[in-house]
Amino acid sequence: MKTISMCVLMCLAAGVVKADWLQFRGPYAAAVSTEAKVPAAEVKIAWTTDLPGRGLSAPIVVGDKVFVTCSSGPGQETLHVFCFNAADGSKRWERAMRSTGRTMTHPKTSVAAPTPCSDGERVFALYSSNDLFAFDLEGNLLWLRGLTFDYANASNSLGMSQSPVVVDGTLVVQSENDSESFAAGLDVATGRNKWKMDRPKAANWSSPTVWKGAVALQSSKGILAVEAVTGKTVWDYTDGASTIPSSVVMGEALYAVSHGITALAPEKGSVTQIWRNEKLNPGTASPLVLGEYIYVVNGAGVVIKASLKNGDELWKLRLKGPFSGSPVAAGKHIYAVNERGIFQVIDPEAPEGKVTQEIELKETVLTTPAISGGAIYVRSDAKLWKLQ
């Protein structure tokens, strides 16, 4: 089993040395920073900047730029993309668009729920309304898609939040719902479909993960891995999976949010189960893997540490919950922000786990942090924070 240290070496060997956090849960959608520079042992608020509207989308970081999406207006019909300077939080640019699709959502979520993503040259912003925009890093609009025009019944009365990913020049978008459910691979340069496939007709808020150049699409039916460029099936796990927290890949294994946590060893055309622990049952937060351990935050706000080797539980630690966003990690620490805006730093190497620091952000936070350049970025509806 490859450890996080091995993952870092692989990233450096591949030339990924920048402090970029390009998508939901960062590199490989694994929620763990792969850079050597980590936040200080005791973090402080470096800056705060105001945001004009709702948003469950996480920040992403490309070089010295932090990107955040929002939705504002009486019906959240105005869609925003912001670019801030990472150094001081000053605004570099803002773009505002009108939605073309449906903007109904549950009161707890918002139209700006999917996290944007980047290939390092472009930023792709997807919204619950199925509006999709591509900008260059200076804010120039490259292309747009009103996916509701193409697929009129692709919607969800509670709102959609599946975040896109970029792999091998292909933007992979999931739009899974009770009606016209689909996934598609789009050309990053033009926005045109490379492929499209029907998906299970069921509400789904989980986001794809990246596995060896393929994309693992999760739904209530299971997890389907497809080639990003062609959409061809690589392997198919059909024993069901969660529709809210997303699975995580580390090394050769995929840790599926299925019947608790099920560790899988996928190969082309087949999937082998390594172990299963039904007591490792995430709430809303997606699990993360750090070193030789997997960490799960359950619905009661308890983080559970378990062995990657066999899934055996090692300890439980009660945090101040509840949580909507997922934990992230860098170096030897895990960071989690609860719905009340309490930022918590966890030392997972302590014998029973230990919360070493808390910061009261005094805002409702329903999203997942980002880590880049030794700093942590957190957003609420009203604010974006940098902590370091």
Foldseek 3Di string as FASTA:
>chain_A
DDALLVVLVVCVVVVNAAFWQFFCLRDLVQQEGSYPFAADPDKDFQAKDWDDAAAQAEWTDQHQWIWDWHFDDPLSQKIKIWIAGNVYRHTQDMDIDGADADFAAAPVHGQRQAYWGDPNFWIWGAGLRRKIWIAGPNGHTQDIDRVCVVVVPLHENNTEHAYWDDFPQWIWDWREEQPQGKIFTARNRYRDTLDMDGDDNHQAHEYWGDDPQWIWDADQQGTWTARNRRRHTFETDGQGADRAAAWHDDDQWIFTRHLQTWIWRDGGHDIDTQEDDNVNHAPRAHWHHHTQWIWHQHQQQKIWIAGNNYRHTQAIDHDPEDAQEYWHYYDQWIWGAHQQGWIWIWRPPPNHIDTPDIDRPRAGFNYYWRDGPNWIWGDGGTMITIMD
